[in-house]
Structures are given as C-alpha cells and as structure tokens.
Amino acid sequence: MHIAPRYIASIENSGQHPSLQIFYELVTLLDVSVDQFFFLNKETDKSTQRRQLESLLDDMSDKGLRIVTATAKEIKEVETEDE
C-alpha cells in the first residue's frame, strides 16, 4: 500500500475523507468490517469486535485457547450472577 504520510496525516488530523480505493485498502489491510462506518448501530460494533477476536484466536496455541475459553466461561458466569 503506497500512501504518502502527508495524506494519512490529513485524514487523521484534518478530517479529510480517504478515497474509496484507499478506504478499501485500509479496511482490507486492518481486517475491519466496513459496516461500522456505514451502519452506526451497536450490532455492527459487536460484529467487528467478534471478527477481531476471531483473528486473534486463529493465531493462538491450544494452551492459549484453553486459557481464553476458561476466562470466557468465568466472565459469562459472573455476568449471569449479576442479572
């Protein structure tokens, strides 16, 4: 991806919108759902968070997956107790 640093700075600091091509390249590179930019509801945020978590899990060892699974079960149990 060839983007001038000045162009990125203008997007970040000046609020300039990237071209459609640059936008596509960025969301593809960062593996982010475009839904969060076009549909501003909570469900799309959840979808993006889940995709990011799945991406992290894909690179994890079996030991890491066991730790994450146990942690998630505990979180779910605590949240259920609070209801």
N, C-alpha and C. Protein backbone atom coordinates (compact mmCIF):
# COMPACT_ATOMS: atom_id res chain seq x y z
N MET A 1 0.86 -1.16 0.00
CA MET A 1 0.00 0.00 0.00
C MET A 1 0.90 1.23 0.00
N HIS A 2 0.74 2.06 -0.99
CA HIS A 2 1.59 3.24 -1.13
C HIS A 2 0.76 4.49 -0.89
N ILE A 3 0.89 5.04 0.33
CA ILE A 3 0.16 6.25 0.70
C ILE A 3 1.18 7.22 1.28
N ALA A 4 1.11 8.45 0.82
CA ALA A 4 2.03 9.47 1.33
C ALA A 4 1.69 9.77 2.79
N PRO A 5 2.71 9.90 3.64
CA PRO A 5 2.47 10.22 5.05
C PRO A 5 1.64 11.49 5.23
N ARG A 6 1.82 12.46 4.36
CA ARG A 6 1.06 13.70 4.45
C ARG A 6 -0.44 13.43 4.23
N TYR A 7 -0.75 12.52 3.31
CA TYR A 7 -2.15 12.17 3.02
C TYR A 7 -2.78 11.49 4.24
N ILE A 8 -2.05 10.58 4.86
CA ILE A 8 -2.55 9.91 6.06
C ILE A 8 -2.76 10.93 7.18
N ALA A 9 -1.83 11.85 7.34
CA ALA A 9 -1.96 12.89 8.37
C ALA A 9 -3.19 13.75 8.13
N SER A 10 -3.48 14.06 6.88
CA SER A 10 -4.66 14.89 6.59
C SER A 10 -5.95 14.13 6.88
N ILE A 11 -5.93 12.82 6.71
CA ILE A 11 -7.11 12.02 7.06
C ILE A 11 -7.27 11.98 8.58
N GLU A 12 -6.17 11.76 9.29
CA GLU A 12 -6.22 11.65 10.75
C GLU A 12 -6.50 12.98 11.43
N ASN A 13 -5.85 14.03 11.00
CA ASN A 13 -5.89 15.30 11.72
C ASN A 13 -6.87 16.32 11.17
N SER A 14 -7.04 16.35 9.87
CA SER A 14 -7.87 17.38 9.25
C SER A 14 -9.28 16.90 8.95
N GLY A 15 -9.54 15.64 9.19
CA GLY A 15 -10.87 15.11 8.93
C GLY A 15 -11.16 14.87 7.46
N GLN A 16 -10.12 14.89 6.63
CA GLN A 16 -10.31 14.61 5.21
C GLN A 16 -10.72 13.15 5.04
N HIS A 17 -11.64 12.89 4.12
CA HIS A 17 -12.08 11.53 3.87
C HIS A 17 -11.17 10.88 2.83
N PRO A 18 -10.80 9.62 3.06
CA PRO A 18 -9.95 8.94 2.07
C PRO A 18 -10.74 8.61 0.81
N SER A 19 -10.04 8.41 -0.27
CA SER A 19 -10.70 7.96 -1.50
C SER A 19 -11.27 6.57 -1.26
N LEU A 20 -12.20 6.16 -2.08
CA LEU A 20 -12.80 4.84 -1.93
C LEU A 20 -11.74 3.74 -2.05
N GLN A 21 -10.80 3.92 -2.94
CA GLN A 21 -9.73 2.92 -3.11
C GLN A 21 -8.87 2.81 -1.85
N ILE A 22 -8.49 3.94 -1.28
CA ILE A 22 -7.68 3.93 -0.05
C ILE A 22 -8.49 3.35 1.10
N PHE A 23 -9.76 3.74 1.19
CA PHE A 23 -10.64 3.20 2.23
C PHE A 23 -10.69 1.68 2.14
N TYR A 24 -10.90 1.17 0.93
CA TYR A 24 -10.94 -0.28 0.71
C TYR A 24 -9.63 -0.94 1.13
N GLU A 25 -8.52 -0.36 0.74
CA GLU A 25 -7.22 -0.93 1.09
C GLU A 25 -7.00 -0.94 2.60
N LEU A 26 -7.42 0.12 3.28
CA LEU A 26 -7.25 0.19 4.73
C LEU A 26 -8.09 -0.85 5.46
N VAL A 27 -9.38 -0.96 5.11
CA VAL A 27 -10.23 -1.93 5.82
C VAL A 27 -9.79 -3.36 5.50
N THR A 28 -9.28 -3.58 4.30
CA THR A 28 -8.78 -4.91 3.95
C THR A 28 -7.50 -5.23 4.73
N LEU A 29 -6.59 -4.29 4.78
CA LEU A 29 -5.34 -4.47 5.50
C LEU A 29 -5.57 -4.69 6.99
N LEU A 30 -6.50 -3.92 7.57
CA LEU A 30 -6.75 -3.98 9.01
C LEU A 30 -7.79 -5.03 9.39
N ASP A 31 -8.38 -5.69 8.38
CA ASP A 31 -9.41 -6.71 8.60
C ASP A 31 -10.55 -6.17 9.47
N VAL A 32 -11.09 -5.03 9.05
CA VAL A 32 -12.16 -4.35 9.76
C VAL A 32 -13.41 -4.38 8.89
N SER A 33 -14.56 -4.59 9.52
CA SER A 33 -15.82 -4.57 8.78
C SER A 33 -16.18 -3.14 8.39
N VAL A 34 -16.57 -2.94 7.14
CA VAL A 34 -16.98 -1.60 6.70
C VAL A 34 -18.33 -1.22 7.29
N ASP A 35 -19.07 -2.18 7.81
CA ASP A 35 -20.38 -1.90 8.39
C ASP A 35 -20.32 -0.83 9.47
N GLN A 36 -19.27 -0.85 10.27
CA GLN A 36 -19.19 0.11 11.36
C GLN A 36 -19.08 1.55 10.87
N PHE A 37 -18.68 1.74 9.63
CA PHE A 37 -18.56 3.09 9.08
C PHE A 37 -19.85 3.55 8.41
N PHE A 38 -20.67 2.61 7.98
CA PHE A 38 -21.89 2.96 7.26
C PHE A 38 -23.16 2.75 8.08
N PHE A 39 -23.15 1.81 9.00
CA PHE A 39 -24.32 1.50 9.83
C PHE A 39 -23.92 1.66 11.28
N LEU A 40 -24.35 2.74 11.88
CA LEU A 40 -23.88 3.10 13.21
C LEU A 40 -24.75 2.53 14.32
N ASN A 41 -24.98 1.22 14.32
CA ASN A 41 -25.72 0.65 15.43
C ASN A 41 -24.82 -0.30 16.21
N LYS A 42 -25.27 -0.69 17.37
CA LYS A 42 -24.45 -1.49 18.27
C LYS A 42 -24.14 -2.88 17.70
N GLU A 43 -25.05 -3.43 16.94
CA GLU A 43 -24.86 -4.79 16.43
C GLU A 43 -23.64 -4.89 15.52
N THR A 44 -23.37 -3.86 14.71
CA THR A 44 -22.21 -3.93 13.82
C THR A 44 -20.91 -3.82 14.62
N ASP A 45 -20.93 -3.04 15.71
CA ASP A 45 -19.74 -2.96 16.56
C ASP A 45 -19.42 -4.34 17.13
N LYS A 46 -20.46 -5.02 17.56
CA LYS A 46 -20.28 -6.36 18.10
C LYS A 46 -19.67 -7.27 17.04
N SER A 47 -20.15 -7.16 15.84
CA SER A 47 -19.64 -7.99 14.75
C SER A 47 -18.16 -7.73 14.51
N THR A 48 -17.76 -6.48 14.51
CA THR A 48 -16.36 -6.14 14.30
C THR A 48 -15.50 -6.65 15.45
N GLN A 49 -15.98 -6.50 16.67
CA GLN A 49 -15.22 -6.99 17.82
C GLN A 49 -15.06 -8.50 17.75
N ARG A 50 -16.11 -9.18 17.34
CA ARG A 50 -16.03 -10.64 17.23
C ARG A 50 -15.03 -11.05 16.15
N ARG A 51 -15.02 -10.34 15.03
CA ARG A 51 -14.07 -10.65 13.96
C ARG A 51 -12.64 -10.43 14.42
N GLN A 52 -12.42 -9.36 15.17
CA GLN A 52 -11.07 -9.09 15.67
C GLN A 52 -10.64 -10.16 16.67
N LEU A 53 -11.58 -10.59 17.51
CA LEU A 53 -11.27 -11.66 18.47
C LEU A 53 -10.97 -12.96 17.73
N GLU A 54 -11.77 -13.28 16.72
CA GLU A 54 -11.52 -14.49 15.93
C GLU A 54 -10.14 -14.46 15.29
N SER A 55 -9.75 -13.30 14.81
CA SER A 55 -8.44 -13.17 14.19
C SER A 55 -7.33 -13.45 15.20
N LEU A 56 -7.50 -12.97 16.41
CA LEU A 56 -6.51 -13.24 17.47
C LEU A 56 -6.50 -14.72 17.83
N LEU A 57 -7.68 -15.32 17.90
CA LEU A 57 -7.77 -16.73 18.27
C LEU A 57 -7.15 -17.64 17.22
N ASP A 58 -7.24 -17.25 15.96
CA ASP A 58 -6.68 -18.06 14.88
C ASP A 58 -5.18 -18.29 15.03
N ASP A 59 -4.49 -17.34 15.62
CA ASP A 59 -3.04 -17.44 15.77
C ASP A 59 -2.61 -18.01 17.12
N MET A 60 -3.58 -18.41 17.94
CA MET A 60 -3.27 -18.83 19.29
C MET A 60 -3.00 -20.33 19.37
N SER A 61 -2.13 -20.71 20.28
CA SER A 61 -1.84 -22.13 20.52
C SER A 61 -3.02 -22.77 21.26
N ASP A 62 -3.00 -24.10 21.34
CA ASP A 62 -4.05 -24.81 22.08
C ASP A 62 -4.06 -24.40 23.55
N LYS A 63 -2.88 -24.18 24.10
CA LYS A 63 -2.79 -23.75 25.51
C LYS A 63 -3.44 -22.38 25.68
N GLY A 64 -3.14 -21.47 24.77
CA GLY A 64 -3.75 -20.14 24.82
C GLY A 64 -5.26 -20.21 24.68
N LEU A 65 -5.74 -21.09 23.79
CA LEU A 65 -7.18 -21.25 23.59
C LEU A 65 -7.85 -21.79 24.85
N ARG A 66 -7.19 -22.71 25.56
CA ARG A 66 -7.76 -23.22 26.81
C ARG A 66 -7.87 -22.10 27.84
N ILE A 67 -6.88 -21.23 27.90
CA ILE A 67 -6.90 -20.11 28.85
C ILE A 67 -8.03 -19.14 28.49
N VAL A 68 -8.15 -18.80 27.22
CA VAL A 68 -9.20 -17.87 26.78
C VAL A 68 -10.58 -18.47 27.03
N THR A 69 -10.74 -19.76 26.75
CA THR A 69 -12.03 -20.43 26.97
C THR A 69 -12.41 -20.41 28.44
N ALA A 70 -11.47 -20.74 29.31
CA ALA A 70 -11.75 -20.73 30.75
C ALA A 70 -12.09 -19.32 31.23
N THR A 71 -11.37 -18.34 30.72
CA THR A 71 -11.64 -16.95 31.09
C THR A 71 -13.03 -16.52 30.63
N ALA A 72 -13.39 -16.87 29.40
CA ALA A 72 -14.71 -16.51 28.87
C ALA A 72 -15.82 -17.17 29.68
N LYS A 73 -15.62 -18.43 30.07
CA LYS A 73 -16.63 -19.12 30.89
C LYS A 73 -16.83 -18.41 32.22
N GLU A 74 -15.73 -17.98 32.84
CA GLU A 74 -15.83 -17.27 34.12
C GLU A 74 -16.54 -15.93 33.97
N ILE A 75 -16.22 -15.21 32.91
CA ILE A 75 -16.88 -13.92 32.66
C ILE A 75 -18.37 -14.13 32.48
N LYS A 76 -18.75 -15.14 31.70
CA LYS A 76 -20.17 -15.42 31.46
C LYS A 76 -20.86 -15.78 32.76
N GLU A 77 -20.21 -16.57 33.59
CA GLU A 77 -20.79 -16.96 34.87
C GLU A 77 -21.01 -15.74 35.77
N VAL A 78 -20.03 -14.86 35.85
CA VAL A 78 -20.15 -13.66 36.68
C VAL A 78 -21.25 -12.75 36.15
N GLU A 79 -21.34 -12.59 34.82
CA GLU A 79 -22.38 -11.75 34.24
C GLU A 79 -23.76 -12.34 34.50
N THR A 80 -23.88 -13.66 34.49
CA THR A 80 -25.16 -14.31 34.77
C THR A 80 -25.56 -14.09 36.22
N GLU A 81 -24.60 -14.14 37.13
CA GLU A 81 -24.87 -13.90 38.55
C GLU A 81 -25.37 -12.49 38.79
N ASP A 82 -24.88 -11.52 38.03
CA ASP A 82 -25.26 -10.12 38.21
C ASP A 82 -26.67 -9.82 37.73
N GLU A 83 -27.26 -10.71 36.93
CA GLU A 83 -28.59 -10.44 36.37
C GLU A 83 -29.68 -10.71 37.33
